[in-house]
Amino acid sequence: MSIFSHLEAKNCPVFRIAAHETNKFVMLVNPLVEQTAFIQVLEIFDVSGFTPPNQHRAADEVFVVLHGHGEATLGDATLQVKPGSVLLLRPGHAHAVRNTGTTRLYCLTTMVPDEDFARLITSGVPDALDAEDMAILGWN
């Protein structure tokens, strides 16, 4: 195991969990490759895209909104999120995120521990960043 790695985010693998899913994931830190206890992805929500309600057994999850607008449902509460919003979600609590904006929603998402999220993502369908993603992220 290397003591560090250096990657260009625009060259990291991209997946959708299934072909019909509305979110794609750029694998920034993949615990299956890097042997870390956490996963970090850039999660890109299509317009009207969402994560289904879910909860984690032991993992804390953090969403940092980089671009776009949406809403997060945390138990019975619904919060509006925008660039700069940071959501810290604790284990055992149901949550969901939905893109309510007119552009894609971009979130830096970290989950500790991974809870096999990396395996779920990488067993999905390979995808790619498109010109819109590259322009919004400034990765041209």
Protein backbone atom coordinates (compact mmCIF):
# COMPACT_ATOMS: atom_id res chain seq x y z
CA MET A 1 0.00 0.00 0.00
CA SER A 2 1.36 3.38 -1.01
CA ILE A 3 1.63 6.15 1.59
CA PHE A 4 -0.19 8.51 -0.81
CA SER A 5 -1.86 8.65 -4.19
CA HIS A 6 -2.30 11.45 -6.67
CA LEU A 7 -5.06 11.38 -9.26
CA GLU A 8 -6.71 13.81 -11.61
CA ALA A 9 -10.38 13.78 -10.62
CA LYS A 10 -11.43 14.12 -14.26
CA ASN A 11 -9.71 10.78 -14.97
CA CYS A 12 -11.30 8.81 -12.13
CA PRO A 13 -13.78 6.05 -13.02
CA VAL A 14 -17.46 6.99 -13.23
CA PHE A 15 -20.38 4.65 -12.59
CA ARG A 16 -24.15 4.53 -12.24
CA ILE A 17 -25.44 1.88 -9.86
CA ALA A 18 -27.81 0.77 -12.66
CA ALA A 19 -28.47 2.04 -16.19
CA HIS A 20 -31.81 3.65 -15.23
CA GLU A 21 -30.42 5.48 -12.15
CA THR A 22 -30.45 9.29 -12.05
CA ASN A 23 -27.11 9.71 -10.25
CA LYS A 24 -23.57 9.01 -11.34
CA PHE A 25 -20.55 8.68 -9.09
CA VAL A 26 -16.95 9.73 -9.77
CA MET A 27 -14.81 7.40 -7.64
CA LEU A 28 -12.33 9.79 -5.99
CA VAL A 29 -11.23 7.50 -3.15
CA ASN A 30 -12.10 3.86 -3.73
CA PRO A 31 -11.48 1.68 -0.66
CA LEU A 32 -11.37 -1.41 -2.88
CA VAL A 33 -8.29 0.05 -4.59
CA GLU A 34 -6.77 2.38 -2.00
CA GLN A 35 -7.48 0.12 1.01
CA THR A 36 -9.05 2.94 3.02
CA ALA A 37 -11.83 2.66 5.57
CA PHE A 38 -13.88 5.31 3.76
CA ILE A 39 -15.21 6.13 0.32
CA GLN A 40 -15.29 9.56 -1.30
CA VAL A 41 -17.17 10.28 -4.51
CA LEU A 42 -18.35 13.20 -6.53
CA GLU A 43 -22.06 12.44 -6.77
CA ILE A 44 -23.78 14.02 -9.76
CA PHE A 45 -27.59 14.14 -9.66
CA ASP A 46 -29.39 14.59 -12.98
CA VAL A 47 -32.19 17.18 -12.98
CA SER A 48 -34.91 15.62 -10.77
CA GLY A 49 -32.40 12.94 -9.74
CA PHE A 50 -32.43 11.55 -6.22
CA THR A 51 -31.12 9.01 -3.79
CA PRO A 52 -33.81 6.70 -2.46
CA PRO A 53 -34.42 6.91 1.28
CA ASN A 54 -31.70 4.94 3.03
CA GLN A 55 -29.80 4.64 6.27
CA HIS A 56 -26.45 3.26 7.32
CA ARG A 57 -25.71 0.74 10.04
CA ALA A 58 -22.47 2.34 11.28
CA ALA A 59 -21.39 4.93 8.72
CA ASP A 60 -21.37 8.68 9.02
CA GLU A 61 -22.01 10.32 5.65
CA VAL A 62 -21.17 13.88 4.62
CA PHE A 63 -22.54 15.70 1.58
CA VAL A 64 -20.91 18.99 0.55
CA VAL A 65 -22.94 20.74 -2.15
CA LEU A 66 -20.64 22.18 -4.81
CA HIS A 67 -23.16 23.23 -7.47
CA GLY A 68 -26.92 23.18 -7.93
CA HIS A 69 -29.91 23.16 -5.61
CA GLY A 70 -31.82 20.41 -3.92
CA GLU A 71 -33.48 19.19 -0.80
CA ALA A 72 -32.44 16.73 1.84
CA THR A 73 -34.97 14.75 3.79
CA LEU A 74 -33.71 13.75 7.21
CA GLY A 75 -36.32 11.79 9.11
CA ASP A 76 -39.37 14.08 9.15
CA ALA A 77 -37.44 17.24 8.25
CA THR A 78 -36.80 18.59 4.76
CA LEU A 79 -33.96 21.07 4.25
CA GLN A 80 -33.07 23.12 1.19
CA VAL A 81 -29.45 22.69 0.07
CA LYS A 82 -27.33 24.89 -2.18
CA PRO A 83 -23.63 25.44 -2.90
CA GLY A 84 -21.80 25.52 0.42
CA SER A 85 -24.36 23.40 2.29
CA VAL A 86 -22.80 20.64 4.38
CA LEU A 87 -24.93 17.74 5.57
CA LEU A 88 -23.60 15.37 8.22
CA LEU A 89 -25.78 12.27 8.44
CA ARG A 90 -25.40 9.94 11.41
CA PRO A 91 -25.84 6.16 11.33
CA GLY A 92 -29.27 4.69 11.82
CA HIS A 93 -31.24 7.69 10.53
CA ALA A 94 -33.20 7.62 7.26
CA HIS A 95 -32.23 10.26 4.71
CA ALA A 96 -32.61 11.10 1.03
CA VAL A 97 -31.31 13.82 -1.30
CA ARG A 98 -33.16 15.15 -4.36
CA ASN A 99 -32.14 17.59 -7.08
CA THR A 100 -34.85 20.26 -7.20
CA GLY A 101 -32.90 22.68 -9.39
CA THR A 102 -32.80 23.33 -13.12
CA THR A 103 -29.20 22.07 -13.50
CA ARG A 104 -27.38 19.01 -12.25
CA LEU A 105 -26.59 18.86 -8.53
CA TYR A 106 -22.95 18.15 -7.63
CA CYS A 107 -22.04 16.88 -4.16
CA LEU A 108 -18.76 15.74 -2.67
CA THR A 109 -19.89 12.71 -0.67
CA THR A 110 -17.83 10.87 1.95
CA MET A 111 -18.92 7.82 3.93
CA VAL A 112 -16.96 6.40 6.89
CA PRO A 113 -16.79 3.43 7.09
CA ASP A 114 -17.52 2.40 3.51
CA GLU A 115 -20.18 -0.26 4.35
CA ASP A 116 -19.67 -1.81 0.88
CA PHE A 117 -20.87 1.35 -0.91
CA ALA A 118 -17.80 1.15 -3.18
CA ARG A 119 -18.64 -2.42 -4.17
CA LEU A 120 -22.24 -1.41 -4.94
CA ILE A 121 -21.11 1.50 -7.12
CA THR A 122 -18.33 -0.31 -8.98
CA SER A 123 -20.53 -3.31 -9.72
CA GLY A 124 -22.83 -0.96 -11.61
CA VAL A 125 -22.68 0.47 -15.12
CA PRO A 126 -19.61 2.41 -16.29
CA ASP A 127 -20.39 5.99 -17.31
CA ALA A 128 -18.42 9.14 -18.12
CA LEU A 129 -18.29 12.82 -17.41
CA ASP A 130 -19.71 14.88 -20.27
CA ALA A 131 -18.99 18.39 -21.52
CA GLU A 132 -21.52 19.92 -19.10
CA ASP A 133 -19.85 18.20 -16.12
CA MET A 134 -16.39 19.27 -17.23
CA ALA A 135 -17.50 22.90 -17.71
CA ILE A 136 -19.34 23.17 -14.37
CA LEU A 137 -16.44 21.59 -12.51
CA GLY A 138 -13.83 23.63 -14.37
CA TRP A 139 -12.00 20.44 -15.35
CA ASN A 140 -11.57 21.26 -19.06
